[in-house]
Amino acid sequence: MQDIDWIVLSLTLLFIVLYGVWKTRGSKNVEDYIKGGNESKWWTIGLSVMATQASAITFLSTPGQAFHSGMGFVQFYFGLPIAMVIICLVFIPIYHKLKVYTAYEYLEGRFDQKTRTLTAILFLIQRGLAAGITIFAPAIILSAVLGWDLITLNIIIGVLVIIYTVSGGTKAVSVTQKQQMAVIFAGMFVAFYLILQYLPDDITFTKALEIAGVSDKMQVLDFSWDLNNRYTVWTGILGGTFLMLSYFGTDQSQVQRYLSGKSLRESQLGLIFNGLLKVPMQFFILLVGVMVFVFYQFNPSPLNFNPKAGEAIANSNLETIEQYVKLEEQHRFIEERKKALIFEGLTPENVAQIQEFNEQDKELKEEAKTIISKADAQVETNDKDYVFIHFILNNLPKGLIGLLLAVILSAAMSSTASELNALGGTTAIDLYKRNTAIEYSEEHYVKMSKWFTLGWGIMAILVACVANLFDNLIQLVNIIGSIFYGNVLGIFLLAFFLKYVKGNAVFIAAIITQIIIIAVWYIDWLPYLWLNALGCGLVMLLAILIQAFSKEN
């Protein structure tokens, strides 16, 4: 990090915060604060929806996912366009017709207060945890790579978001997300361009794709029904559709984005815009990771990208250091042999040797993880989340490092702001306002929304300060969502389509379903994407059965 990088990073983040505060000062009623005054155009809604989902985890973990496992992760998003169409046709018209502030308001009119409260609480639990992870994700990686204090980073990111989110509410989130998405797109395109420029002169983009394909990085579609495979066409279309329906249709952090639309049509166009652009965007981010992989076919790469791993080895005993150094030597030998084979030409014989070397290198990296864990059990050996940041810091020119770090922090701020905004609004409307006997003024509810937003912001910072790295950060957020989303989606589908099912049956079914889903996840019986479909189907089936044997029938 040079002075110019610090200047670029600081000015970018400062501009976003101050712009958000200035642009949205003076919200005095609930409609302005929670629904943004219903002034948002379709492109603002589309970018805001996209920015809410595209957290820093997306730009840190996704390239690393592609680096290690290839393009197959894009299948996770195949259900998104389908979900967008269903939400535009079913969910949005109902929300707009009833003029609700939150998605959960609708459930009280359809069922009863306790079902509304339960669903709101399920949202608050999973989104409160996720808000902490979206702060923690960039903080722990930047801490490990740059040597910054982790707790301080958590607090800085959280406080920056709290300032403009508490100040301006939904409108502040929406207007700042347009600036954040501009920074994000600019940074990722610059990174992609530079990676291609760094490749050897005779390696064209087409040739780079061929090199990636030889190492199975370009396999996009997997039609297998293997339940042990997390990412297939079927998990994406079936499990992914349920997850996206739940997330975009019932998660207040997303519902609040399109409830701020100027009209029903603007909200629908915003979601369709997101549906058309999101899959290509994720494909592009994965492609960036694949190009980073190609770059490291011609340039030395570490045995493990987490810098803390190297520190752990350096501080261990002589025997451990010698074991690790031996693995590093074998790793470098494999890199040199693969590089030579690529320059010789991708003949069938050379391709077979490259693939054999890839398998050997995977084994070396697994051995390295074992040695790192023995040296220091606290060090995260899964280095997927460190691949892209390692490339940025070691290869990009001055100034652009600051821009790419601004991309990561902007993404963290955009998604966290939406989450805190939704958490504060839901707590104020669905819990506080609904359960207080006295009817207060508009200014009072705006003030309470701000206090609840501040409280959730502090809670998110605390969660970030005690969180630990999981298998992969982008998976962790989706796992948290999948545990709760299917159940919530099932409740809404019952409300929309099965009018004879009453509140008591749904309430009991939802509690039983949540316990079962947590148990299924804990024993690792199904890939997490299938939890959405299971939760949705289970709560609907149980509610129908309970209703059939109920006295209300």
Protein backbone atom coordinates (compact mmCIF):
# COMPACT_ATOMS: atom_id res chain seq x y z
CA MET A 1 0.00 0.00 0.00
CA GLN A 2 1.55 3.27 -1.22
CA ASP A 3 0.38 6.80 -0.36
CA ILE A 4 -1.64 7.03 -3.60
CA ASP A 5 -3.49 3.81 -2.65
CA TRP A 6 -4.42 5.24 0.73
CA ILE A 7 -5.63 8.45 -0.93
CA VAL A 8 -7.78 6.58 -3.49
CA LEU A 9 -9.22 4.27 -0.82
CA SER A 10 -9.95 7.03 1.71
CA LEU A 11 -11.47 9.50 -0.78
CA THR A 12 -13.71 6.83 -2.34
CA LEU A 13 -15.14 5.69 0.99
CA LEU A 14 -15.41 9.22 2.38
CA PHE A 15 -17.28 10.40 -0.70
CA ILE A 16 -19.81 7.55 -0.45
CA VAL A 17 -20.53 8.20 3.25
CA LEU A 18 -20.79 12.00 2.95
CA TYR A 19 -22.84 11.79 -0.25
CA GLY A 20 -25.30 9.43 1.42
CA VAL A 21 -25.70 11.68 4.46
CA TRP A 22 -26.06 14.89 2.38
CA LYS A 23 -28.40 13.49 -0.25
CA THR A 24 -30.92 12.06 2.22
CA ARG A 25 -30.88 14.44 5.15
CA GLY A 26 -34.16 15.30 6.83
CA SER A 27 -36.40 12.18 6.67
CA LYS A 28 -39.28 13.02 9.01
CA ASN A 29 -41.86 10.31 8.36
CA VAL A 30 -41.86 6.53 8.24
CA GLU A 31 -42.61 6.34 4.52
CA ASP A 32 -39.57 8.49 3.70
CA TYR A 33 -37.25 6.64 6.08
CA ILE A 34 -38.30 3.02 5.44
CA LYS A 35 -39.66 3.19 1.87
CA GLY A 36 -37.49 6.04 0.58
CA GLY A 37 -40.55 8.16 -0.19
CA ASN A 38 -41.41 5.75 -3.03
CA GLU A 39 -39.20 7.72 -5.43
CA SER A 40 -36.82 5.06 -6.79
CA LYS A 41 -36.58 4.48 -10.56
CA TRP A 42 -36.13 0.99 -11.99
CA TRP A 43 -32.38 1.30 -12.57
CA THR A 44 -31.86 2.47 -8.98
CA ILE A 45 -33.89 -0.49 -7.72
CA GLY A 46 -32.02 -2.94 -9.98
CA LEU A 47 -28.59 -1.70 -8.88
CA SER A 48 -29.66 -1.54 -5.24
CA VAL A 49 -30.98 -5.12 -5.32
CA MET A 50 -27.76 -6.26 -6.98
CA ALA A 51 -25.54 -4.33 -4.55
CA THR A 52 -27.42 -5.78 -1.57
CA GLN A 53 -26.65 -9.33 -2.71
CA ALA A 54 -23.13 -8.58 -4.00
CA SER A 55 -21.28 -8.21 -0.71
CA ALA A 56 -17.53 -8.08 -0.24
CA ILE A 57 -17.69 -11.85 0.03
CA THR A 58 -18.69 -11.98 -3.64
CA PHE A 59 -15.55 -10.15 -4.74
CA LEU A 60 -13.19 -11.94 -2.36
CA SER A 61 -14.48 -15.50 -2.36
CA THR A 62 -15.91 -15.96 -5.86
CA PRO A 63 -12.61 -15.50 -7.77
CA GLY A 64 -10.94 -17.87 -5.29
CA GLN A 65 -13.77 -20.37 -5.79
CA ALA A 66 -13.13 -20.27 -9.56
CA PHE A 67 -9.35 -20.47 -9.05
CA HIS A 68 -9.70 -23.75 -7.18
CA SER A 69 -12.89 -25.27 -8.59
CA GLY A 70 -13.61 -23.57 -11.91
CA MET A 71 -16.73 -21.96 -13.34
CA GLY A 72 -19.26 -24.47 -11.96
CA PHE A 73 -20.30 -22.15 -9.10
CA VAL A 74 -22.25 -20.02 -11.62
CA GLN A 75 -24.89 -22.80 -11.64
CA PHE A 76 -25.83 -21.62 -8.15
CA TYR A 77 -27.47 -18.57 -9.80
CA PHE A 78 -29.46 -20.39 -12.51
CA GLY A 79 -32.65 -20.17 -10.48
CA LEU A 80 -32.40 -16.39 -10.09
CA PRO A 81 -34.09 -15.30 -13.37
CA ILE A 82 -36.93 -17.76 -12.73
CA ALA A 83 -37.38 -16.37 -9.22
CA MET A 84 -37.39 -12.78 -10.51
CA VAL A 85 -40.29 -13.52 -12.89
CA ILE A 86 -42.34 -15.26 -10.17
CA ILE A 87 -41.75 -12.42 -7.68
CA CYS A 88 -42.72 -9.81 -10.30
CA LEU A 89 -45.96 -11.65 -11.08
CA VAL A 90 -46.99 -12.74 -7.56
CA PHE A 91 -45.14 -11.03 -4.69
CA ILE A 92 -44.73 -7.41 -5.80
CA PRO A 93 -48.38 -6.83 -6.85
CA ILE A 94 -49.59 -8.04 -3.44
CA TYR A 95 -47.07 -5.91 -1.51
CA HIS A 96 -47.91 -2.80 -3.54
CA LYS A 97 -51.65 -3.32 -3.35
CA LEU A 98 -51.53 -3.54 0.46
CA LYS A 99 -48.99 -0.66 0.75
CA VAL A 100 -46.98 -2.58 3.37
CA TYR A 101 -43.75 -1.29 4.93
CA THR A 102 -42.39 -4.80 5.45
CA ALA A 103 -43.12 -8.17 3.87
CA TYR A 104 -44.21 -9.55 7.24
CA GLU A 105 -47.08 -7.04 7.65
CA TYR A 106 -48.98 -8.99 5.01
CA LEU A 107 -48.83 -12.18 7.11
CA GLU A 108 -50.82 -10.69 9.98
CA GLY A 109 -53.74 -9.82 7.72
CA ARG A 110 -53.63 -13.26 6.14
CA PHE A 111 -52.91 -15.32 9.28
CA ASP A 112 -52.45 -13.65 12.68
CA GLN A 113 -50.06 -11.54 14.74
CA LYS A 114 -48.03 -14.42 16.17
CA THR A 115 -47.25 -15.80 12.68
CA ARG A 116 -46.15 -12.34 11.56
CA THR A 117 -43.97 -11.98 14.66
CA LEU A 118 -42.43 -15.46 14.29
CA THR A 119 -41.55 -14.87 10.63
CA ALA A 120 -40.07 -11.46 11.42
CA ILE A 121 -37.97 -13.02 14.20
CA LEU A 122 -36.69 -15.75 11.86
CA PHE A 123 -35.63 -13.00 9.45
CA LEU A 124 -33.97 -10.97 12.23
CA ILE A 125 -31.96 -13.99 13.44
CA GLN A 126 -30.55 -15.05 10.07
CA ARG A 127 -30.05 -11.53 8.70
CA GLY A 128 -28.52 -10.31 11.96
CA LEU A 129 -25.92 -13.11 11.75
CA ALA A 130 -25.34 -12.46 8.04
CA ALA A 131 -24.78 -8.74 8.68
CA GLY A 132 -21.95 -9.63 11.02
CA ILE A 133 -20.42 -11.96 8.43
CA THR A 134 -20.56 -9.30 5.68
CA ILE A 135 -18.48 -7.04 7.94
CA PHE A 136 -16.22 -9.82 9.15
CA ALA A 137 -15.44 -11.27 5.70
CA PRO A 138 -13.40 -8.39 4.26
CA ALA A 139 -12.06 -7.43 7.68
CA ILE A 140 -10.39 -10.78 8.44
CA ILE A 141 -8.87 -11.07 4.98
CA LEU A 142 -7.56 -7.50 4.89
CA SER A 143 -6.29 -8.00 8.43
CA ALA A 144 -4.38 -11.13 7.46
CA VAL A 145 -2.96 -9.70 4.25
CA LEU A 146 -2.22 -6.10 5.28
CA GLY A 147 -1.49 -6.70 8.94
CA TRP A 148 -4.29 -4.37 10.08
CA ASP A 149 -5.92 -5.02 13.44
CA LEU A 150 -9.04 -7.18 12.92
CA ILE A 151 -11.17 -5.62 15.65
CA THR A 152 -10.32 -2.10 14.44
CA LEU A 153 -11.27 -3.03 10.87
CA ASN A 154 -14.60 -4.49 11.99
CA ILE A 155 -15.38 -1.28 13.87
CA ILE A 156 -14.31 1.02 10.99
CA ILE A 157 -16.45 -0.79 8.39
CA GLY A 158 -19.41 -1.00 10.77
CA VAL A 159 -19.24 2.65 11.85
CA LEU A 160 -18.96 3.95 8.27
CA VAL A 161 -22.11 2.04 7.32
CA ILE A 162 -23.99 3.05 10.47
CA ILE A 163 -23.35 6.77 9.86
CA TYR A 164 -25.25 7.10 6.60
CA THR A 165 -27.73 4.24 7.12
CA VAL A 166 -28.98 5.67 10.43
CA SER A 167 -28.98 9.17 8.97
CA GLY A 168 -30.91 8.61 5.75
CA GLY A 169 -32.59 5.20 5.94
CA THR A 170 -33.68 3.43 2.75
CA LYS A 171 -33.02 6.42 0.48
CA ALA A 172 -29.44 6.71 1.76
CA VAL A 173 -28.88 3.02 1.07
CA SER A 174 -30.28 3.29 -2.47
CA VAL A 175 -28.38 6.40 -3.55
CA THR A 176 -25.05 5.22 -2.15
CA GLN A 177 -25.42 1.79 -3.74
CA LYS A 178 -25.41 3.37 -7.21
CA GLN A 179 -22.01 4.92 -6.45
CA GLN A 180 -20.77 1.68 -4.89
CA MET A 181 -21.79 -0.42 -7.90
CA ALA A 182 -19.98 2.05 -10.19
CA VAL A 183 -16.80 1.61 -8.13
CA ILE A 184 -17.26 -2.18 -8.09
CA PHE A 185 -17.79 -2.57 -11.85
CA ALA A 186 -14.89 -0.21 -12.65
CA GLY A 187 -12.53 -2.06 -10.32
CA MET A 188 -13.39 -5.55 -11.59
CA PHE A 189 -13.08 -4.57 -15.27
CA VAL A 190 -9.71 -2.92 -14.61
CA ALA A 191 -8.51 -6.05 -12.78
CA PHE A 192 -9.66 -8.31 -15.62
CA TYR A 193 -7.95 -6.13 -18.25
CA LEU A 194 -4.68 -6.06 -16.31
CA ILE A 195 -4.63 -9.83 -15.80
CA LEU A 196 -4.83 -10.32 -19.58
CA GLN A 197 -2.07 -7.75 -20.08
CA TYR A 198 0.17 -9.60 -17.62
CA LEU A 199 -0.04 -12.88 -19.57
CA PRO A 200 2.86 -13.72 -21.93
CA ASP A 201 2.69 -11.97 -25.32
CA ASP A 202 1.71 -15.06 -27.28
CA ILE A 203 -1.07 -16.04 -24.83
CA THR A 204 -4.30 -14.56 -26.20
CA PHE A 205 -7.61 -14.59 -24.34
CA THR A 206 -8.74 -17.59 -26.40
CA LYS A 207 -5.50 -19.40 -25.57
CA ALA A 208 -5.96 -18.53 -21.89
CA LEU A 209 -9.42 -20.12 -21.96
CA GLU A 210 -7.93 -23.22 -23.55
CA ILE A 211 -5.25 -23.43 -20.83
CA ALA A 212 -7.95 -23.08 -18.16
CA GLY A 213 -10.04 -25.76 -19.88
CA VAL A 214 -7.15 -28.23 -19.79
CA SER A 215 -7.23 -27.94 -15.97
CA ASP A 216 -11.05 -28.38 -15.84
CA LYS A 217 -11.69 -24.75 -14.88
CA MET A 218 -14.11 -24.05 -17.74
CA GLN A 219 -16.70 -26.75 -17.03
CA VAL A 220 -19.80 -24.63 -16.46
CA LEU A 221 -22.58 -27.23 -16.60
CA ASP A 222 -22.92 -30.37 -14.51
CA PHE A 223 -26.09 -32.40 -15.15
CA SER A 224 -25.34 -35.12 -12.58
CA TRP A 225 -27.79 -35.98 -9.77
CA ASP A 226 -24.99 -36.61 -7.25
CA LEU A 227 -26.16 -35.15 -3.92
CA ASN A 228 -22.54 -34.86 -2.79
CA ASN A 229 -21.96 -32.32 -5.55
CA ARG A 230 -23.06 -28.91 -4.27
CA TYR A 231 -23.20 -27.16 -7.63
CA THR A 232 -25.06 -28.76 -10.52
CA VAL A 233 -27.66 -27.53 -13.02
CA TRP A 234 -30.36 -29.16 -10.87
CA THR A 235 -29.27 -27.68 -7.54
CA GLY A 236 -29.07 -24.30 -9.25
CA ILE A 237 -32.45 -24.45 -10.96
CA LEU A 238 -34.40 -26.27 -8.23
CA GLY A 239 -32.61 -25.44 -4.97
CA GLY A 240 -31.42 -22.09 -6.32
CA THR A 241 -34.92 -21.02 -7.36
CA PHE A 242 -36.27 -21.71 -3.86
CA LEU A 243 -33.35 -19.85 -2.28
CA MET A 244 -33.75 -16.85 -4.61
CA LEU A 245 -37.53 -16.80 -4.17
CA SER A 246 -37.02 -16.77 -0.41
CA TYR A 247 -34.25 -14.18 -0.48
CA PHE A 248 -35.72 -11.72 -2.97
CA GLY A 249 -39.37 -12.35 -2.15
CA THR A 250 -39.42 -12.55 1.66
CA ASP A 251 -36.11 -11.15 2.98
CA GLN A 252 -36.80 -7.58 4.06
CA SER A 253 -33.29 -6.45 3.09
CA GLN A 254 -34.32 -7.09 -0.54
CA VAL A 255 -38.06 -6.42 -0.28
CA GLN A 256 -37.28 -2.95 1.11
CA ARG A 257 -35.25 -2.18 -2.04
CA TYR A 258 -38.19 -2.61 -4.41
CA LEU A 259 -40.90 -1.38 -2.04
CA SER A 260 -39.21 2.01 -2.50
CA GLY A 261 -40.14 1.95 -6.21
CA LYS A 262 -42.04 4.88 -7.71
CA SER A 263 -44.68 2.49 -9.04
CA LEU A 264 -45.46 -1.19 -9.41
CA ARG A 265 -43.95 -1.13 -12.91
CA GLU A 266 -40.70 0.49 -11.73
CA SER A 267 -40.29 -2.19 -9.02
CA GLN A 268 -40.93 -5.00 -11.52
CA LEU A 269 -38.54 -3.55 -14.11
CA GLY A 270 -35.88 -3.20 -11.40
CA LEU A 271 -36.09 -6.90 -10.51
CA ILE A 272 -36.12 -7.97 -14.18
CA PHE A 273 -33.03 -5.80 -14.72
CA ASN A 274 -31.35 -7.61 -11.82
CA GLY A 275 -32.43 -11.01 -13.20
CA LEU A 276 -30.92 -10.25 -16.62
CA LEU A 277 -27.64 -8.83 -15.32
CA LYS A 278 -26.88 -10.93 -12.21
CA VAL A 279 -25.93 -14.24 -13.85
CA PRO A 280 -23.60 -12.59 -16.43
CA MET A 281 -22.05 -10.54 -13.61
CA GLN A 282 -21.33 -13.66 -11.54
CA PHE A 283 -20.03 -15.42 -14.64
CA PHE A 284 -17.64 -12.51 -15.21
CA ILE A 285 -16.41 -12.50 -11.58
CA LEU A 286 -15.75 -16.25 -11.80
CA LEU A 287 -13.96 -15.67 -15.11
CA VAL A 288 -11.71 -13.17 -13.35
CA GLY A 289 -10.78 -15.96 -10.93
CA VAL A 290 -10.10 -18.35 -13.81
CA MET A 291 -7.84 -15.75 -15.45
CA VAL A 292 -5.98 -15.39 -12.14
CA PHE A 293 -5.46 -19.16 -12.31
CA VAL A 294 -4.04 -18.81 -15.85
CA PHE A 295 -1.80 -15.96 -14.67
CA TYR A 296 -0.29 -18.24 -12.03
CA GLN A 297 0.48 -20.87 -14.68
CA PHE A 298 3.21 -18.48 -15.82
CA ASN A 299 4.11 -16.86 -12.50
CA PRO A 300 5.10 -18.36 -9.13
CA SER A 301 2.26 -18.90 -6.66
CA PRO A 302 2.44 -19.69 -2.94
CA LEU A 303 1.66 -23.17 -1.69
CA ASN A 304 -1.02 -21.55 0.47
CA PHE A 305 -2.34 -18.04 -0.23
CA ASN A 306 -3.12 -17.20 3.41
CA PRO A 307 -0.11 -15.18 4.64
CA LYS A 308 -0.77 -16.35 8.19
CA ALA A 309 0.09 -19.88 7.02
CA GLY A 310 3.61 -18.80 6.13
CA GLU A 311 3.97 -17.05 9.48
CA ALA A 312 2.82 -20.18 11.30
CA ILE A 313 5.42 -22.31 9.52
CA ALA A 314 8.20 -19.75 10.11
CA ASN A 315 7.44 -19.76 13.85
CA SER A 316 7.31 -23.56 14.18
CA ASN A 317 10.06 -26.10 14.86
CA LEU A 318 12.87 -26.98 12.44
CA GLU A 319 11.35 -30.33 11.41
CA THR A 320 8.06 -28.67 10.40
CA ILE A 321 9.88 -25.96 8.46
CA GLU A 322 11.92 -28.58 6.56
CA GLN A 323 8.78 -30.56 5.69
CA TYR A 324 7.07 -27.46 4.38
CA VAL A 325 10.13 -26.27 2.42
CA LYS A 326 10.30 -29.68 0.74
CA LEU A 327 6.66 -29.37 -0.34
CA GLU A 328 7.35 -25.85 -1.65
CA GLU A 329 10.23 -27.17 -3.75
CA GLN A 330 8.00 -29.85 -5.24
CA HIS A 331 5.31 -27.23 -5.88
CA ARG A 332 7.78 -24.99 -7.73
CA PHE A 333 9.03 -27.95 -9.79
CA ILE A 334 5.46 -28.77 -10.84
CA GLU A 335 4.82 -25.11 -11.75
CA GLU A 336 7.93 -25.00 -13.94
CA ARG A 337 7.10 -28.29 -15.68
CA LYS A 338 3.50 -27.19 -16.38
CA LYS A 339 4.74 -23.87 -17.72
CA ALA A 340 7.17 -25.63 -20.07
CA LEU A 341 4.47 -28.01 -21.30
CA ILE A 342 2.09 -25.14 -22.04
CA PHE A 343 4.74 -23.34 -24.10
CA GLU A 344 5.51 -26.60 -25.96
CA GLY A 345 1.86 -26.82 -27.01
CA LEU A 346 -1.32 -28.41 -25.72
CA THR A 347 -0.91 -31.74 -27.45
CA PRO A 348 -2.85 -34.73 -26.04
CA GLU A 349 0.34 -36.02 -24.39
CA ASN A 350 1.12 -32.64 -22.79
CA VAL A 351 -2.47 -32.19 -21.65
CA ALA A 352 -2.37 -35.59 -19.92
CA GLN A 353 0.88 -34.62 -18.16
CA ILE A 354 -0.52 -31.23 -17.09
CA GLN A 355 -3.58 -32.91 -15.58
CA GLU A 356 -1.36 -35.40 -13.78
CA PHE A 357 0.73 -32.54 -12.40
CA ASN A 358 -2.49 -30.80 -11.26
CA GLU A 359 -3.44 -33.86 -9.23
CA GLN A 360 0.02 -34.02 -7.69
CA ASP A 361 -0.17 -30.33 -6.82
CA LYS A 362 -3.57 -30.83 -5.14
CA GLU A 363 -2.05 -33.58 -3.00
CA LEU A 364 0.86 -31.29 -2.07
CA LYS A 365 -1.55 -28.56 -1.02
CA GLU A 366 -3.52 -30.97 1.14
CA GLU A 367 -0.29 -32.10 2.81
CA ALA A 368 0.62 -28.45 3.30
CA LYS A 369 -2.71 -27.81 5.04
CA THR A 370 -2.02 -30.66 7.44
CA ILE A 371 1.43 -29.28 8.28
CA ILE A 372 0.04 -25.74 8.73
CA SER A 373 -2.65 -27.03 11.11
CA LYS A 374 -0.02 -28.85 13.16
CA ALA A 375 2.08 -25.67 13.29
CA ASP A 376 -0.88 -23.53 14.38
CA ALA A 377 -4.39 -24.94 14.69
CA GLN A 378 -5.87 -21.40 14.69
CA VAL A 379 -4.68 -20.59 11.16
CA GLU A 380 -7.26 -21.00 8.37
CA THR A 381 -5.81 -23.47 5.86
CA ASN A 382 -8.58 -23.05 3.28
CA ASP A 383 -7.10 -20.24 1.19
CA LYS A 384 -9.90 -19.66 -1.37
CA ASP A 385 -10.75 -16.30 0.15
CA TYR A 386 -7.15 -15.08 -0.08
CA VAL A 387 -6.38 -15.82 -3.74
CA PHE A 388 -7.73 -12.63 -5.32
CA ILE A 389 -6.49 -10.24 -2.63
CA HIS A 390 -3.01 -11.85 -2.93
CA PHE A 391 -3.05 -11.15 -6.67
CA ILE A 392 -4.21 -7.56 -6.14
CA LEU A 393 -1.55 -6.66 -3.59
CA ASN A 394 1.34 -8.37 -5.36
CA ASN A 395 0.67 -7.49 -8.98
CA LEU A 396 -1.47 -4.38 -9.47
CA PRO A 397 0.18 -0.97 -9.98
CA LYS A 398 0.05 1.87 -7.43
CA GLY A 399 -3.34 3.51 -7.14
CA LEU A 400 -5.22 0.51 -8.47
CA ILE A 401 -4.55 -1.41 -5.27
CA GLY A 402 -6.45 1.34 -3.45
CA LEU A 403 -9.24 1.14 -6.03
CA LEU A 404 -9.64 -2.65 -5.65
CA LEU A 405 -9.61 -2.37 -1.86
CA ALA A 406 -12.29 0.33 -2.25
CA VAL A 407 -14.26 -2.20 -4.33
CA ILE A 408 -14.09 -4.76 -1.52
CA LEU A 409 -15.01 -2.28 1.22
CA SER A 410 -17.73 -0.63 -0.91
CA ALA A 411 -19.31 -4.04 -1.45
CA ALA A 412 -19.15 -4.72 2.29
CA MET A 413 -20.76 -1.37 3.04
CA SER A 414 -23.52 -1.71 0.41
CA SER A 415 -24.76 -5.11 1.56
CA THR A 416 -24.36 -4.31 5.26
CA ALA A 417 -26.26 -1.03 4.85
CA SER A 418 -29.22 -2.84 3.27
CA GLU A 419 -29.20 -5.42 6.04
CA LEU A 420 -29.06 -2.88 8.87
CA ASN A 421 -31.74 -0.76 7.18
CA ALA A 422 -34.04 -3.80 6.94
CA LEU A 423 -33.25 -5.03 10.45
CA GLY A 424 -34.02 -1.61 11.94
CA GLY A 425 -37.20 -1.19 9.90
CA THR A 426 -38.52 -4.67 10.67
CA THR A 427 -37.83 -4.31 14.39
CA ALA A 428 -39.56 -0.92 14.46
CA ILE A 429 -42.63 -1.87 12.38
CA ASP A 430 -43.21 -5.58 13.06
CA LEU A 431 -42.16 -5.80 16.69
CA TYR A 432 -42.10 -2.36 18.35
CA LYS A 433 -44.99 -0.53 16.65
CA ARG A 434 -47.22 -3.61 16.44
CA ASN A 435 -46.75 -4.55 20.11
CA THR A 436 -47.07 -1.14 21.77
CA ALA A 437 -50.51 -0.06 22.93
CA ILE A 438 -49.90 3.69 22.44
CA GLU A 439 -50.01 5.21 18.93
CA TYR A 440 -47.01 7.54 18.64
CA SER A 441 -46.20 10.23 16.08
CA GLU A 442 -44.39 9.62 12.77
CA GLU A 443 -41.27 11.35 14.14
CA HIS A 444 -41.23 8.92 17.07
CA TYR A 445 -41.24 5.85 14.81
CA VAL A 446 -38.53 7.35 12.60
CA LYS A 447 -36.45 8.01 15.72
CA MET A 448 -37.01 4.46 16.97
CA SER A 449 -36.10 3.04 13.53
CA LYS A 450 -32.82 4.94 13.76
CA TRP A 451 -32.14 3.62 17.26
CA PHE A 452 -32.95 0.05 16.21
CA THR A 453 -30.70 0.43 13.14
CA LEU A 454 -27.89 1.68 15.38
CA GLY A 455 -28.48 -1.24 17.75
CA TRP A 456 -28.33 -3.81 14.94
CA GLY A 457 -25.20 -2.10 13.62
CA ILE A 458 -23.50 -2.53 16.99
CA MET A 459 -24.73 -6.15 17.11
CA ALA A 460 -23.30 -6.81 13.62
CA ILE A 461 -19.92 -5.41 14.70
CA LEU A 462 -19.98 -7.67 17.79
CA VAL A 463 -20.84 -10.74 15.64
CA ALA A 464 -17.99 -9.79 13.29
CA CYS A 465 -15.59 -9.57 16.22
CA VAL A 466 -16.34 -13.11 17.42
CA ALA A 467 -16.89 -14.83 14.05
CA ASN A 468 -14.59 -17.50 12.59
CA LEU A 469 -13.80 -18.43 9.01
CA PHE A 470 -15.87 -21.26 7.59
CA ASP A 471 -15.16 -23.50 4.58
CA ASN A 472 -15.67 -20.53 2.25
CA LEU A 473 -17.23 -17.20 3.18
CA ILE A 474 -19.65 -17.01 0.26
CA GLN A 475 -20.90 -20.48 1.19
CA LEU A 476 -21.26 -19.49 4.85
CA VAL A 477 -23.67 -16.66 4.09
CA ASN A 478 -25.70 -18.89 1.78
CA ILE A 479 -25.77 -21.69 4.38
CA ILE A 480 -27.12 -19.30 7.04
CA GLY A 481 -29.81 -18.18 4.60
CA SER A 482 -30.70 -21.70 3.50
CA ILE A 483 -31.36 -22.81 7.09
CA PHE A 484 -34.15 -20.21 7.44
CA TYR A 485 -35.27 -19.16 3.96
CA GLY A 486 -37.19 -22.26 2.89
CA ASN A 487 -39.39 -22.15 5.96
CA VAL A 488 -40.17 -18.45 5.47
CA LEU A 489 -40.89 -18.95 1.75
CA GLY A 490 -43.30 -21.79 2.55
CA ILE A 491 -45.19 -19.53 4.96
CA PHE A 492 -45.62 -16.91 2.22
CA LEU A 493 -46.68 -19.47 -0.39
CA LEU A 494 -49.31 -20.79 2.02
CA ALA A 495 -50.50 -17.22 2.49
CA PHE A 496 -50.68 -16.55 -1.26
CA PHE A 497 -52.21 -19.76 -2.57
CA LEU A 498 -53.87 -21.87 0.18
CA LYS A 499 -56.53 -19.64 1.65
CA TYR A 500 -58.10 -22.37 3.79
CA VAL A 501 -54.93 -22.83 5.89
CA LYS A 502 -55.17 -20.73 9.08
CA GLY A 503 -52.67 -19.04 11.35
CA ASN A 504 -52.42 -21.65 14.13
CA ALA A 505 -51.57 -24.45 11.68
CA VAL A 506 -48.91 -22.34 9.96
CA PHE A 507 -47.39 -21.20 13.27
CA ILE A 508 -47.01 -24.76 14.62
CA ALA A 509 -45.76 -26.08 11.25
CA ALA A 510 -43.14 -23.30 11.03
CA ILE A 511 -41.69 -24.09 14.46
CA ILE A 512 -41.52 -27.85 13.76
CA THR A 513 -40.00 -27.23 10.32
CA GLN A 514 -37.29 -24.94 11.67
CA ILE A 515 -36.22 -27.54 14.23
CA ILE A 516 -36.09 -30.28 11.56
CA ILE A 517 -34.09 -28.12 9.09
CA ILE A 518 -31.51 -27.21 11.72
CA ALA A 519 -31.18 -30.92 12.59
CA VAL A 520 -30.81 -31.92 8.90
CA TRP A 521 -28.14 -29.25 8.41
CA TYR A 522 -26.31 -30.28 11.60
CA ILE A 523 -26.04 -33.94 10.59
CA ASP A 524 -25.07 -32.88 7.05
CA TRP A 525 -27.72 -35.05 5.43
CA LEU A 526 -28.28 -32.82 2.38
CA PRO A 527 -26.27 -30.16 0.48
CA TYR A 528 -27.31 -26.80 1.88
CA LEU A 529 -29.05 -25.60 -1.30
CA TRP A 530 -31.60 -28.41 -0.95
CA LEU A 531 -32.54 -27.15 2.53
CA ASN A 532 -34.52 -24.35 0.87
CA ALA A 533 -36.75 -26.74 -1.07
CA LEU A 534 -37.03 -29.11 1.92
CA GLY A 535 -37.99 -26.31 4.32
CA CYS A 536 -40.53 -24.84 1.91
CA GLY A 537 -42.19 -28.18 1.13
CA LEU A 538 -42.11 -29.37 4.74
CA VAL A 539 -43.79 -26.32 6.28
CA MET A 540 -46.51 -26.40 3.62
CA LEU A 541 -47.15 -30.12 4.07
CA LEU A 542 -47.21 -29.90 7.88
CA ALA A 543 -49.50 -26.85 7.83
CA ILE A 544 -51.95 -28.63 5.50
CA LEU A 545 -51.97 -31.76 7.71
CA ILE A 546 -52.32 -29.79 10.94
CA GLN A 547 -55.15 -27.76 9.40
CA ALA A 548 -56.89 -30.96 8.26
CA PHE A 549 -57.03 -32.26 11.84
CA SER A 550 -57.71 -28.88 13.41
CA LYS A 551 -60.98 -27.79 15.01
CA GLU A 552 -60.77 -24.63 12.87
CA ASN A 553 -61.49 -26.79 9.79
